[in-house]
Amino acid sequence: MTRAPLLLVDGLSVAFPTATPVRDVGFTVGEGETVALVGESGSGKSLVASSLLRLLPAGGRIVGGAVRFEGTDVTRSTEAELTHLRGRRIAMVFQEPATALDPVMTIGRQVAEVIEWHEGASRRAARARAIELLDLVRLPDPSRRVDSYPHELSGGQRQRVMIAMAIACRPKLVVADEPTTALDVTIQAQVLELLDRLRRELSMGVLLISHDLGVVGQWADRVVVLYAGRKLEELPAERLFDGARHPYTRGLLAASPRPSALGADGLLTEIPGQIDGADRLPGCPFSPRCALARPSCDDRMPDLVAVGPEHTVACPVAPRGGIADAVAVGR
């Protein structure tokens, strides 16, 4: 018997008064699994993540599809139900801890507050648990640091505090929205290793939002590629570098800072142009930047078609072969 996924996003569409930046996006996250949402800035990654907890920016609303967490459709939940869900069952690690943390509260107080609110713990018990959590995320000298303010910590240490807050109530799903932004490479690796260790120890599902395909290839189980709010490809992370089929995914790989992505001139290959924020229905949104586009690509959005085990792609001309055979370059 197939086990139901922890999270099922089915046909999700998000609209604002002037645009619909997310259309018909679907994917799953299983218990203990890491799924990565990847794409350039403006691809809709953070909007999808915000939709999971109904935390969309002002004017945004879910206009289609469903978000089912443990079988319950979050899009139909009441505010009281969402209050119980947020932080307790689904937690979020925000992109920039320097702005997400309260600068006038100690880090220990901020972690303890989560425990007091959701579990009804006393102030003393919550503080003790906060120290345990800071130790779990390997913040140095947690008994002393518990009384530190965010500005007294480094960027990597602040991110560890954010993770401690996220896992305080042992959630089943953690959404990590660009959790290593502005951190140096060494600290990035430490933070991602920490998330992965906690995923295994706590049997959490992790939805990792990232534009860094090197990070994704190392830490994710599956990869979902978004572009202008549309899902273009999904595949196992282990097949990302040698099996990606969509011209956009290949373009991202060719532009990634890896030795194997360098061209003959020693430079990375760029994807020309930028994401068009306007609605471009009914065709493929990547068509204006795609070297392989045909006139028919502007007529309708291609269906997602299975091209391998757990591998779907929305491109009728998706090539085979190595990345170098089909890097997305300007027409």
C-alpha atoms as a PDB file:
ATOM      1  CA  MET A   1       0.000   0.000   0.000  1.00  0.00           C
ATOM      2  CA  THR A   2       1.420   3.383  -1.040  1.00  0.00           C
ATOM      3  CA  ARG A   3       1.848   5.793   1.847  1.00  0.00           C
ATOM      4  CA  ALA A   4       0.142   9.172   1.456  1.00  0.00           C
ATOM      5  CA  PRO A   5       2.556  12.105   1.171  1.00  0.00           C
ATOM      6  CA  LEU A   6       3.024  14.438   4.112  1.00  0.00           C
ATOM      7  CA  LEU A   7       2.349  17.425   1.843  1.00  0.00           C
ATOM      8  CA  LEU A   8       0.412  17.420  -1.412  1.00  0.00           C
ATOM      9  CA  VAL A   9       0.284  20.597  -3.492  1.00  0.00           C
ATOM     10  CA  ASP A  10      -2.174  20.082  -6.337  1.00  0.00           C
ATOM     11  CA  GLY A  11      -2.840  22.634  -9.093  1.00  0.00           C
ATOM     12  CA  LEU A  12      -1.965  25.613  -6.894  1.00  0.00           C
ATOM     13  CA  SER A  13      -2.668  29.033  -8.423  1.00  0.00           C
ATOM     14  CA  VAL A  14      -2.038  32.369  -6.673  1.00  0.00           C
ATOM     15  CA  ALA A  15      -3.429  35.681  -7.908  1.00  0.00           C
ATOM     16  CA  PHE A  16      -3.013  39.372  -7.174  1.00  0.00           C
ATOM     17  CA  PRO A  17      -5.272  42.163  -8.491  1.00  0.00           C
ATOM     18  CA  THR A  18      -3.038  42.709 -11.546  1.00  0.00           C
ATOM     19  CA  ALA A  19      -1.499  39.277 -12.208  1.00  0.00           C
ATOM     20  CA  THR A  20      -1.500  35.553 -11.502  1.00  0.00           C
ATOM     21  CA  PRO A  21       2.167  34.841 -10.712  1.00  0.00           C
ATOM     22  CA  VAL A  22       1.666  31.149  -9.770  1.00  0.00           C
ATOM     23  CA  ARG A  23      -0.354  28.823 -12.012  1.00  0.00           C
ATOM     24  CA  ASP A  24      -1.206  25.150 -11.646  1.00  0.00           C
ATOM     25  CA  VAL A  25       1.822  24.113  -9.550  1.00  0.00           C
ATOM     26  CA  GLY A  26       1.882  20.642  -8.053  1.00  0.00           C
ATOM     27  CA  PHE A  27       4.337  18.479  -6.083  1.00  0.00           C
ATOM     28  CA  THR A  28       4.575  16.324  -2.968  1.00  0.00           C
ATOM     29  CA  VAL A  29       6.862  16.069   0.063  1.00  0.00           C
ATOM     30  CA  GLY A  30       7.103  12.791   1.932  1.00  0.00           C
ATOM     31  CA  GLU A  31       7.962  12.203   5.583  1.00  0.00           C
ATOM     32  CA  GLY A  32      11.723  12.466   6.048  1.00  0.00           C
ATOM     33  CA  GLU A  33      12.185  13.693   2.467  1.00  0.00           C
ATOM     34  CA  THR A  34      13.835  16.888   1.186  1.00  0.00           C
ATOM     35  CA  VAL A  35      12.261  18.410  -1.910  1.00  0.00           C
ATOM     36  CA  ALA A  36      13.813  21.501  -3.504  1.00  0.00           C
ATOM     37  CA  LEU A  37      11.976  24.272  -5.350  1.00  0.00           C
ATOM     38  CA  VAL A  38      14.444  25.964  -7.682  1.00  0.00           C
ATOM     39  CA  GLY A  39      14.408  28.833 -10.143  1.00  0.00           C
ATOM     40  CA  GLU A  40      15.578  32.402 -10.638  1.00  0.00           C
ATOM     41  CA  SER A  41      14.297  35.295  -8.551  1.00  0.00           C
ATOM     42  CA  GLY A  42      10.722  35.956  -9.661  1.00  0.00           C
ATOM     43  CA  SER A  43       9.976  32.330 -10.459  1.00  0.00           C
ATOM     44  CA  GLY A  44       7.351  32.048  -7.710  1.00  0.00           C
ATOM     45  CA  LYS A  45       9.251  29.908  -5.199  1.00  0.00           C
ATOM     46  CA  SER A  46       8.578  32.057  -2.135  1.00  0.00           C
ATOM     47  CA  LEU A  47       4.928  32.624  -3.118  1.00  0.00           C
ATOM     48  CA  VAL A  48       4.401  28.881  -3.254  1.00  0.00           C
ATOM     49  CA  ALA A  49       6.105  28.507   0.138  1.00  0.00           C
ATOM     50  CA  SER A  50       3.962  31.287   1.649  1.00  0.00           C
ATOM     51  CA  SER A  51       0.821  29.644   0.297  1.00  0.00           C
ATOM     52  CA  LEU A  52       1.478  26.532   2.380  1.00  0.00           C
ATOM     53  CA  LEU A  53       0.672  28.505   5.530  1.00  0.00           C
ATOM     54  CA  ARG A  54      -1.613  31.099   3.928  1.00  0.00           C
ATOM     55  CA  LEU A  55       0.919  33.853   4.603  1.00  0.00           C
ATOM     56  CA  LEU A  56       0.689  35.573   1.220  1.00  0.00           C
ATOM     57  CA  PRO A  57       1.549  39.269   0.843  1.00  0.00           C
ATOM     58  CA  ALA A  58      -1.274  41.807   0.900  1.00  0.00           C
ATOM     59  CA  GLY A  59      -3.559  41.392  -2.097  1.00  0.00           C
ATOM     60  CA  GLY A  60      -2.516  37.813  -2.760  1.00  0.00           C
ATOM     61  CA  ARG A  61      -4.984  34.950  -2.620  1.00  0.00           C
ATOM     62  CA  ILE A  62      -5.155  31.303  -3.593  1.00  0.00           C
ATOM     63  CA  VAL A  63      -7.541  31.066  -6.543  1.00  0.00           C
ATOM     64  CA  GLY A  64      -7.137  27.433  -7.522  1.00  0.00           C
ATOM     65  CA  GLY A  65      -5.925  24.040  -6.419  1.00  0.00           C
ATOM     66  CA  ALA A  66      -5.350  22.539  -2.999  1.00  0.00           C
ATOM     67  CA  VAL A  67      -2.607  22.345  -0.377  1.00  0.00           C
ATOM     68  CA  ARG A  68      -3.110  19.178   1.648  1.00  0.00           C
ATOM     69  CA  PHE A  69      -1.006  18.670   4.761  1.00  0.00           C
ATOM     70  CA  GLU A  70      -1.507  15.300   6.448  1.00  0.00           C
ATOM     71  CA  GLY A  71      -4.728  14.995   4.439  1.00  0.00           C
ATOM     72  CA  THR A  72      -6.198  18.376   5.478  1.00  0.00           C
ATOM     73  CA  ASP A  73      -6.699  21.086   2.831  1.00  0.00           C
ATOM     74  CA  VAL A  74      -4.935  24.136   4.271  1.00  0.00           C
ATOM     75  CA  THR A  75      -6.646  26.418   1.746  1.00  0.00           C
ATOM     76  CA  ARG A  76      -9.966  25.703   3.510  1.00  0.00           C
ATOM     77  CA  SER A  77      -8.711  25.835   7.110  1.00  0.00           C
ATOM     78  CA  THR A  78     -10.035  28.407   9.569  1.00  0.00           C
ATOM     79  CA  GLU A  79      -7.732  30.975  11.180  1.00  0.00           C
ATOM     80  CA  ALA A  80      -7.914  29.036  14.451  1.00  0.00           C
ATOM     81  CA  GLU A  81      -6.793  25.871  12.664  1.00  0.00           C
ATOM     82  CA  LEU A  82      -3.991  27.760  10.916  1.00  0.00           C
ATOM     83  CA  THR A  83      -2.794  29.206  14.227  1.00  0.00           C
ATOM     84  CA  HIS A  84      -2.425  25.659  15.556  1.00  0.00           C
ATOM     85  CA  LEU A  85      -0.671  24.553  12.356  1.00  0.00           C
ATOM     86  CA  ARG A  86       1.853  27.370  12.003  1.00  0.00           C
ATOM     87  CA  GLY A  87       4.993  26.728  13.989  1.00  0.00           C
ATOM     88  CA  ARG A  88       3.682  23.537  15.541  1.00  0.00           C
ATOM     89  CA  ARG A  89       3.113  21.231  12.546  1.00  0.00           C
ATOM     90  CA  ILE A  90       4.634  23.306   9.741  1.00  0.00           C
ATOM     91  CA  ALA A  91       7.516  25.636  10.530  1.00  0.00           C
ATOM     92  CA  MET A  92       9.437  28.116   8.408  1.00  0.00           C
ATOM     93  CA  VAL A  93      13.088  29.125   8.308  1.00  0.00           C
ATOM     94  CA  PHE A  94      13.126  32.570   6.761  1.00  0.00           C
ATOM     95  CA  GLN A  95      15.613  33.887   4.247  1.00  0.00           C
ATOM     96  CA  GLU A  96      17.241  36.601   6.340  1.00  0.00           C
ATOM     97  CA  PRO A  97      17.436  36.012  10.123  1.00  0.00           C
ATOM     98  CA  ALA A  98      18.707  39.552  10.715  1.00  0.00           C
ATOM     99  CA  THR A  99      15.241  40.857   9.840  1.00  0.00           C
ATOM    100  CA  ALA A 100      13.201  37.834  10.990  1.00  0.00           C
ATOM    101  CA  LEU A 101      14.509  37.942  14.567  1.00  0.00           C
ATOM    102  CA  ASP A 102      13.310  40.630  17.000  1.00  0.00           C
ATOM    103  CA  PRO A 103      16.331  42.849  17.749  1.00  0.00           C
ATOM    104  CA  VAL A 104      15.113  43.856  21.234  1.00  0.00           C
ATOM    105  CA  MET A 105      14.488  40.321  22.543  1.00  0.00           C
ATOM    106  CA  THR A 106      17.124  37.814  23.574  1.00  0.00           C
ATOM    107  CA  ILE A 107      17.389  34.771  21.338  1.00  0.00           C
ATOM    108  CA  GLY A 108      16.461  32.500  24.224  1.00  0.00           C
ATOM    109  CA  ARG A 109      13.274  34.432  24.855  1.00  0.00           C
ATOM    110  CA  GLN A 110      12.322  34.206  21.177  1.00  0.00           C
ATOM    111  CA  VAL A 111      12.820  30.444  21.090  1.00  0.00           C
ATOM    112  CA  ALA A 112      11.052  29.983  24.435  1.00  0.00           C
ATOM    113  CA  GLU A 113       8.053  32.011  23.271  1.00  0.00           C
ATOM    114  CA  VAL A 114       7.295  29.416  20.595  1.00  0.00           C
ATOM    115  CA  ILE A 115       7.267  26.643  23.196  1.00  0.00           C
ATOM    116  CA  GLU A 116       5.122  28.618  25.645  1.00  0.00           C
ATOM    117  CA  TRP A 117       2.579  29.519  22.955  1.00  0.00           C
ATOM    118  CA  HIS A 118       2.160  26.093  21.367  1.00  0.00           C
ATOM    119  CA  GLU A 119       2.820  23.745  24.285  1.00  0.00           C
ATOM    120  CA  GLY A 120       1.708  25.794  27.283  1.00  0.00           C
ATOM    121  CA  ALA A 121       5.075  25.361  28.990  1.00  0.00           C
ATOM    122  CA  SER A 122       6.049  27.522  31.961  1.00  0.00           C
ATOM    123  CA  ARG A 123       8.589  30.284  31.413  1.00  0.00           C
ATOM    124  CA  ARG A 124      11.269  28.337  33.296  1.00  0.00           C
ATOM    125  CA  ALA A 125      10.609  25.068  31.425  1.00  0.00           C
ATOM    126  CA  ALA A 126      10.552  26.893  28.083  1.00  0.00           C
ATOM    127  CA  ARG A 127      13.907  28.531  28.822  1.00  0.00           C
ATOM    128  CA  ALA A 128      15.450  25.166  29.690  1.00  0.00           C
ATOM    129  CA  ARG A 129      14.072  23.708  26.479  1.00  0.00           C
ATOM    130  CA  ALA A 130      15.419  26.698  24.536  1.00  0.00           C
ATOM    131  CA  ILE A 131      18.925  25.964  25.839  1.00  0.00           C
ATOM    132  CA  GLU A 132      18.526  22.332  24.769  1.00  0.00           C
ATOM    133  CA  LEU A 133      17.457  23.430  21.298  1.00  0.00           C
ATOM    134  CA  LEU A 134      20.348  25.876  20.945  1.00  0.00           C
ATOM    135  CA  ASP A 135      22.650  23.042  21.893  1.00  0.00           C
ATOM    136  CA  LEU A 136      20.912  20.735  19.388  1.00  0.00           C
ATOM    137  CA  VAL A 137      21.610  23.203  16.549  1.00  0.00           C
ATOM    138  CA  ARG A 138      25.198  23.432  17.840  1.00  0.00           C
ATOM    139  CA  LEU A 139      25.253  27.068  18.874  1.00  0.00           C
ATOM    140  CA  PRO A 140      28.455  27.477  20.913  1.00  0.00           C
ATOM    141  CA  ASP A 141      28.015  27.805  24.683  1.00  0.00           C
ATOM    142  CA  PRO A 142      24.174  27.773  24.618  1.00  0.00           C
ATOM    143  CA  SER A 143      23.788  28.370  28.374  1.00  0.00           C
ATOM    144  CA  ARG A 144      25.482  31.740  27.939  1.00  0.00           C
ATOM    145  CA  ARG A 145      24.265  32.564  24.442  1.00  0.00           C
ATOM    146  CA  VAL A 146      20.630  32.070  25.463  1.00  0.00           C
ATOM    147  CA  ASP A 147      20.732  35.622  26.880  1.00  0.00           C
ATOM    148  CA  SER A 148      22.387  37.159  23.811  1.00  0.00           C
ATOM    149  CA  TYR A 149      20.642  39.530  21.431  1.00  0.00           C
ATOM    150  CA  PRO A 150      20.592  38.862  17.669  1.00  0.00           C
ATOM    151  CA  HIS A 151      23.129  41.610  16.901  1.00  0.00           C
ATOM    152  CA  GLU A 152      25.652  39.858  19.146  1.00  0.00           C
ATOM    153  CA  LEU A 153      25.675  36.770  16.913  1.00  0.00           C
ATOM    154  CA  SER A 154      27.195  36.097  13.521  1.00  0.00           C
ATOM    155  CA  GLY A 155      25.001  35.470  10.482  1.00  0.00           C
ATOM    156  CA  GLY A 156      25.495  31.714  10.711  1.00  0.00           C
ATOM    157  CA  GLN A 157      24.678  31.713  14.426  1.00  0.00           C
ATOM    158  CA  ARG A 158      21.490  33.721  13.825  1.00  0.00           C
ATOM    159  CA  GLN A 159      20.430  31.184  11.212  1.00  0.00           C
ATOM    160  CA  ARG A 160      20.962  28.405  13.766  1.00  0.00           C
ATOM    161  CA  VAL A 161      18.660  30.284  16.132  1.00  0.00           C
ATOM    162  CA  MET A 162      16.024  30.456  13.378  1.00  0.00           C
ATOM    163  CA  ILE A 163      16.309  26.700  12.907  1.00  0.00           C
ATOM    164  CA  ALA A 164      16.013  26.157  16.673  1.00  0.00           C
ATOM    165  CA  MET A 165      12.786  28.180  16.657  1.00  0.00           C
ATOM    166  CA  ALA A 166      11.499  26.203  13.671  1.00  0.00           C
ATOM    167  CA  ILE A 167      12.047  22.788  15.275  1.00  0.00           C
ATOM    168  CA  ALA A 168      11.004  23.826  18.804  1.00  0.00           C
ATOM    169  CA  CYS A 169       7.709  21.913  18.603  1.00  0.00           C
ATOM    170  CA  ARG A 170       9.043  19.051  16.472  1.00  0.00           C
ATOM    171  CA  PRO A 171       7.098  19.967  13.317  1.00  0.00           C
ATOM    172  CA  LYS A 172       6.449  17.412  10.597  1.00  0.00           C
ATOM    173  CA  LEU A 173       7.420  19.836   7.824  1.00  0.00           C
ATOM    174  CA  VAL A 174      10.028  22.602   7.703  1.00  0.00           C
ATOM    175  CA  VAL A 175       9.985  25.120   4.872  1.00  0.00           C
ATOM    176  CA  ALA A 176      13.472  26.583   4.423  1.00  0.00           C
ATOM    177  CA  ASP A 177      13.293  29.682   2.223  1.00  0.00           C
ATOM    178  CA  GLU A 178      16.821  30.381   0.919  1.00  0.00           C
ATOM    179  CA  PRO A 179      18.245  29.500   4.367  1.00  0.00           C
ATOM    180  CA  THR A 180      21.870  30.223   3.416  1.00  0.00           C
ATOM    181  CA  THR A 181      21.469  33.629   1.768  1.00  0.00           C
ATOM    182  CA  ALA A 182      24.416  35.968   2.475  1.00  0.00           C
ATOM    183  CA  LEU A 183      26.396  33.259   4.293  1.00  0.00           C
ATOM    184  CA  ASP A 184      29.872  32.265   3.175  1.00  0.00           C
ATOM    185  CA  VAL A 185      30.383  28.850   1.587  1.00  0.00           C
ATOM    186  CA  THR A 186      31.709  27.163   4.729  1.00  0.00           C
ATOM    187  CA  ILE A 187      28.823  28.372   6.908  1.00  0.00           C
ATOM    188  CA  GLN A 188      26.313  27.492   4.158  1.00  0.00           C
ATOM    189  CA  ALA A 189      27.523  23.899   4.255  1.00  0.00           C
ATOM    190  CA  GLN A 190      27.271  23.797   8.055  1.00  0.00           C
ATOM    191  CA  VAL A 191      23.696  25.132   8.060  1.00  0.00           C
ATOM    192  CA  LEU A 192      22.561  22.709   5.343  1.00  0.00           C
ATOM    193  CA  GLU A 193      24.273  19.797   7.064  1.00  0.00           C
ATOM    194  CA  LEU A 194      22.461  20.782  10.262  1.00  0.00           C
ATOM    195  CA  LEU A 195      19.082  20.839   8.510  1.00  0.00           C
ATOM    196  CA  ASP A 196      19.786  17.451   6.964  1.00  0.00           C
ATOM    197  CA  ARG A 197      20.833  15.936  10.296  1.00  0.00           C
ATOM    198  CA  LEU A 198      17.690  17.249  11.998  1.00  0.00           C
ATOM    199  CA  ARG A 199      15.544  15.961   9.122  1.00  0.00           C
ATOM    200  CA  ARG A 200      16.888  12.462   9.740  1.00  0.00           C
ATOM    201  CA  GLU A 201      16.785  12.611  13.525  1.00  0.00           C
ATOM    202  CA  LEU A 202      13.272  14.094  13.729  1.00  0.00           C
ATOM    203  CA  SER A 203      11.828  12.408  10.591  1.00  0.00           C
ATOM    204  CA  MET A 204      10.794  15.802   9.210  1.00  0.00           C
ATOM    205  CA  GLY A 205       9.912  16.617   5.659  1.00  0.00           C
ATOM    206  CA  VAL A 206      11.874  19.592   4.299  1.00  0.00           C
ATOM    207  CA  LEU A 207      10.884  21.916   1.468  1.00  0.00           C
ATOM    208  CA  LEU A 208      14.093  23.688   0.461  1.00  0.00           C
ATOM    209  CA  ILE A 209      13.712  26.897  -1.555  1.00  0.00           C
ATOM    210  CA  SER A 210      16.882  27.714  -3.451  1.00  0.00           C
ATOM    211  CA  HIS A 211      18.389  29.122  -6.640  1.00  0.00           C
ATOM    212  CA  ASP A 212      21.683  27.299  -6.034  1.00  0.00           C
ATOM    213  CA  LEU A 213      21.652  24.047  -7.978  1.00  0.00           C
ATOM    214  CA  GLY A 214      24.927  22.944  -6.406  1.00  0.00           C
ATOM    215  CA  VAL A 215      23.261  23.048  -2.990  1.00  0.00           C
ATOM    216  CA  VAL A 216      20.158  21.320  -4.317  1.00  0.00           C
ATOM    217  CA  GLY A 217      22.069  18.503  -5.964  1.00  0.00           C
ATOM    218  CA  GLN A 218      23.851  17.694  -2.715  1.00  0.00           C
ATOM    219  CA  TRP A 219      21.065  17.999  -0.144  1.00  0.00           C
ATOM    220  CA  ALA A 220      17.721  17.299  -1.852  1.00  0.00           C
ATOM    221  CA  ASP A 221      15.998  14.054  -2.803  1.00  0.00           C
ATOM    222  CA  ARG A 222      13.868  15.550  -5.570  1.00  0.00           C
ATOM    223  CA  VAL A 223      13.940  18.818  -7.496  1.00  0.00           C
ATOM    224  CA  VAL A 224      10.974  20.862  -8.771  1.00  0.00           C
ATOM    225  CA  VAL A 225      11.913  23.559 -11.299  1.00  0.00           C
ATOM    226  CA  LEU A 226       9.709  26.671 -11.440  1.00  0.00           C
ATOM    227  CA  TYR A 227       9.749  29.454 -13.993  1.00  0.00           C
ATOM    228  CA  ALA A 228       7.382  32.456 -13.946  1.00  0.00           C
ATOM    229  CA  GLY A 229       5.084  30.561 -11.618  1.00  0.00           C
ATOM    230  CA  ARG A 230       4.863  27.422 -13.771  1.00  0.00           C
ATOM    231  CA  LYS A 231       6.323  24.006 -13.078  1.00  0.00           C
ATOM    232  CA  LEU A 232       8.620  23.046 -15.951  1.00  0.00           C
ATOM    233  CA  GLU A 233      10.377  19.939 -14.670  1.00  0.00           C
ATOM    234  CA  GLU A 234      10.609  17.543 -11.738  1.00  0.00           C
ATOM    235  CA  LEU A 235      13.278  14.891 -11.311  1.00  0.00           C
ATOM    236  CA  PRO A 236      15.361  13.033  -8.701  1.00  0.00           C
ATOM    237  CA  ALA A 237      18.238  15.196  -7.435  1.00  0.00           C
ATOM    238  CA  GLU A 238      20.727  12.451  -8.275  1.00  0.00           C
ATOM    239  CA  ARG A 239      19.766  12.870 -11.951  1.00  0.00           C
ATOM    240  CA  LEU A 240      19.868  16.662 -11.959  1.00  0.00           C
ATOM    241  CA  PHE A 241      23.322  17.173 -13.431  1.00  0.00           C
ATOM    242  CA  ASP A 242      23.275  14.455 -16.076  1.00  0.00           C
ATOM    243  CA  GLY A 243      19.588  13.922 -16.751  1.00  0.00           C
ATOM    244  CA  ALA A 244      17.861  17.332 -16.783  1.00  0.00           C
ATOM    245  CA  ARG A 245      15.760  17.714 -19.919  1.00  0.00           C
ATOM    246  CA  HIS A 246      14.073  21.126 -19.954  1.00  0.00           C
ATOM    247  CA  PRO A 247      16.094  23.890 -21.684  1.00  0.00           C
ATOM    248  CA  TYR A 248      15.543  26.140 -18.659  1.00  0.00           C
ATOM    249  CA  THR A 249      16.882  23.588 -16.177  1.00  0.00           C
ATOM    250  CA  ARG A 250      19.886  23.056 -18.437  1.00  0.00           C
ATOM    251  CA  GLY A 251      20.400  26.791 -18.655  1.00  0.00           C
ATOM    252  CA  LEU A 252      20.433  27.053 -14.858  1.00  0.00           C
ATOM    253  CA  LEU A 253      22.977  24.240 -14.673  1.00  0.00           C
ATOM    254  CA  ALA A 254      25.173  25.849 -17.313  1.00  0.00           C
ATOM    255  CA  ALA A 255      25.085  29.112 -15.354  1.00  0.00           C
ATOM    256  CA  SER A 256      25.938  27.451 -12.029  1.00  0.00           C
ATOM    257  CA  PRO A 257      29.409  28.190 -10.600  1.00  0.00           C
ATOM    258  CA  ARG A 258      30.925  24.741 -11.083  1.00  0.00           C
ATOM    259  CA  PRO A 259      34.133  23.831 -12.946  1.00  0.00           C
ATOM    260  CA  SER A 260      32.193  21.545 -15.312  1.00  0.00           C
ATOM    261  CA  ALA A 261      29.861  24.434 -16.249  1.00  0.00           C
ATOM    262  CA  LEU A 262      32.634  26.681 -17.559  1.00  0.00           C
ATOM    263  CA  GLY A 263      32.734  27.303 -21.293  1.00  0.00           C
ATOM    264  CA  ALA A 264      35.795  27.160 -23.532  1.00  0.00           C
ATOM    265  CA  ASP A 265      36.552  30.774 -22.603  1.00  0.00           C
ATOM    266  CA  GLY A 266      36.480  29.929 -18.900  1.00  0.00           C
ATOM    267  CA  LEU A 267      33.229  31.835 -18.360  1.00  0.00           C
ATOM    268  CA  LEU A 268      29.782  30.669 -17.247  1.00  0.00           C
ATOM    269  CA  THR A 269      26.999  30.599 -19.838  1.00  0.00           C
ATOM    270  CA  GLU A 270      24.234  33.110 -19.167  1.00  0.00           C
ATOM    271  CA  ILE A 271      20.555  32.694 -19.889  1.00  0.00           C
ATOM    272  CA  PRO A 272      19.769  35.841 -21.894  1.00  0.00           C
ATOM    273  CA  GLY A 273      17.002  38.180 -20.789  1.00  0.00           C
ATOM    274  CA  GLN A 274      15.029  37.915 -17.594  1.00  0.00           C
ATOM    275  CA  ILE A 275      11.751  36.561 -16.270  1.00  0.00           C
ATOM    276  CA  ASP A 276       8.777  38.460 -17.652  1.00  0.00           C
ATOM    277  CA  GLY A 277       6.591  39.258 -14.684  1.00  0.00           C
ATOM    278  CA  ALA A 278       3.499  39.758 -16.853  1.00  0.00           C
ATOM    279  CA  ASP A 279       1.087  36.918 -17.575  1.00  0.00           C
ATOM    280  CA  ARG A 280       2.103  35.271 -20.828  1.00  0.00           C
ATOM    281  CA  LEU A 281      -0.740  32.865 -21.364  1.00  0.00           C
ATOM    282  CA  PRO A 282      -1.358  30.636 -23.154  1.00  0.00           C
ATOM    283  CA  GLY A 283       2.178  29.608 -24.157  1.00  0.00           C
ATOM    284  CA  CYS A 284       5.303  28.437 -22.368  1.00  0.00           C
ATOM    285  CA  PRO A 285       6.627  31.359 -20.272  1.00  0.00           C
ATOM    286  CA  PHE A 286      10.253  30.442 -21.062  1.00  0.00           C
ATOM    287  CA  SER A 287       9.722  30.630 -24.820  1.00  0.00           C
ATOM    288  CA  PRO A 288      11.154  34.178 -25.310  1.00  0.00           C
ATOM    289  CA  ARG A 289      14.484  33.085 -23.796  1.00  0.00           C
ATOM    290  CA  CYS A 290      14.694  29.564 -25.206  1.00  0.00           C
ATOM    291  CA  ALA A 291      16.989  28.633 -28.100  1.00  0.00           C
ATOM    292  CA  LEU A 292      14.824  25.614 -28.922  1.00  0.00           C
ATOM    293  CA  ALA A 293      11.459  27.369 -28.969  1.00  0.00           C
ATOM    294  CA  ARG A 294       9.094  26.835 -31.881  1.00  0.00           C
ATOM    295  CA  PRO A 295       6.095  28.971 -32.894  1.00  0.00           C
ATOM    296  CA  SER A 296       3.825  26.367 -31.310  1.00  0.00           C
ATOM    297  CA  CYS A 297       5.471  27.023 -27.917  1.00  0.00           C
ATOM    298  CA  ASP A 298       3.630  30.354 -27.802  1.00  0.00           C
ATOM    299  CA  ASP A 299       0.254  28.743 -28.499  1.00  0.00           C
ATOM    300  CA  ARG A 300      -0.231  26.641 -25.356  1.00  0.00           C
ATOM    301  CA  MET A 301       1.521  25.615 -22.170  1.00  0.00           C
ATOM    302  CA  PRO A 302       2.987  22.131 -22.733  1.00  0.00           C
ATOM    303  CA  ASP A 303       1.708  19.322 -20.549  1.00  0.00           C
ATOM    304  CA  LEU A 304       4.018  17.695 -18.015  1.00  0.00           C
ATOM    305  CA  VAL A 305       5.022  14.369 -19.556  1.00  0.00           C
ATOM    306  CA  ALA A 306       6.818  11.473 -17.863  1.00  0.00           C
ATOM    307  CA  VAL A 307      10.255  10.891 -19.413  1.00  0.00           C
ATOM    308  CA  GLY A 308      11.681   8.582 -16.757  1.00  0.00           C
ATOM    309  CA  PRO A 309      11.175   7.276 -13.208  1.00  0.00           C
ATOM    310  CA  GLU A 310       9.866  10.204 -11.088  1.00  0.00           C
ATOM    311  CA  HIS A 311      10.854  12.523 -13.950  1.00  0.00           C
ATOM    312  CA  THR A 312       8.401  14.810 -15.735  1.00  0.00           C
ATOM    313  CA  VAL A 313       9.067  17.684 -18.106  1.00  0.00           C
ATOM    314  CA  ALA A 314       6.841  20.305 -19.750  1.00  0.00           C
ATOM    315  CA  CYS A 315       8.592  20.659 -23.113  1.00  0.00           C
ATOM    316  CA  PRO A 316       7.731  18.874 -26.382  1.00  0.00           C
ATOM    317  CA  VAL A 317      11.245  19.464 -27.736  1.00  0.00           C
ATOM    318  CA  ALA A 318      13.146  18.642 -24.536  1.00  0.00           C
ATOM    319  CA  PRO A 319      16.495  17.269 -25.732  1.00  0.00           C
ATOM    320  CA  ARG A 320      18.440  14.269 -24.559  1.00  0.00           C
ATOM    321  CA  GLY A 321      22.189  14.099 -24.027  1.00  0.00           C
ATOM    322  CA  GLY A 322      24.541  16.193 -21.939  1.00  0.00           C
ATOM    323  CA  ILE A 323      23.912  19.714 -20.753  1.00  0.00           C
ATOM    324  CA  ALA A 324      26.347  21.115 -23.292  1.00  0.00           C
ATOM    325  CA  ASP A 325      24.129  19.787 -26.101  1.00  0.00           C
ATOM    326  CA  ALA A 326      21.278  22.152 -25.265  1.00  0.00           C
ATOM    327  CA  VAL A 327      22.240  25.140 -23.143  1.00  0.00           C
ATOM    328  CA  ALA A 328      19.500  27.770 -23.256  1.00  0.00           C
ATOM    329  CA  VAL A 329      20.894  30.706 -25.218  1.00  0.00           C
ATOM    330  CA  GLY A 330      19.207  33.625 -26.921  1.00  0.00           C
ATOM    331  CA  ARG A 331      17.408  33.283 -30.200  1.00  0.00           C
END
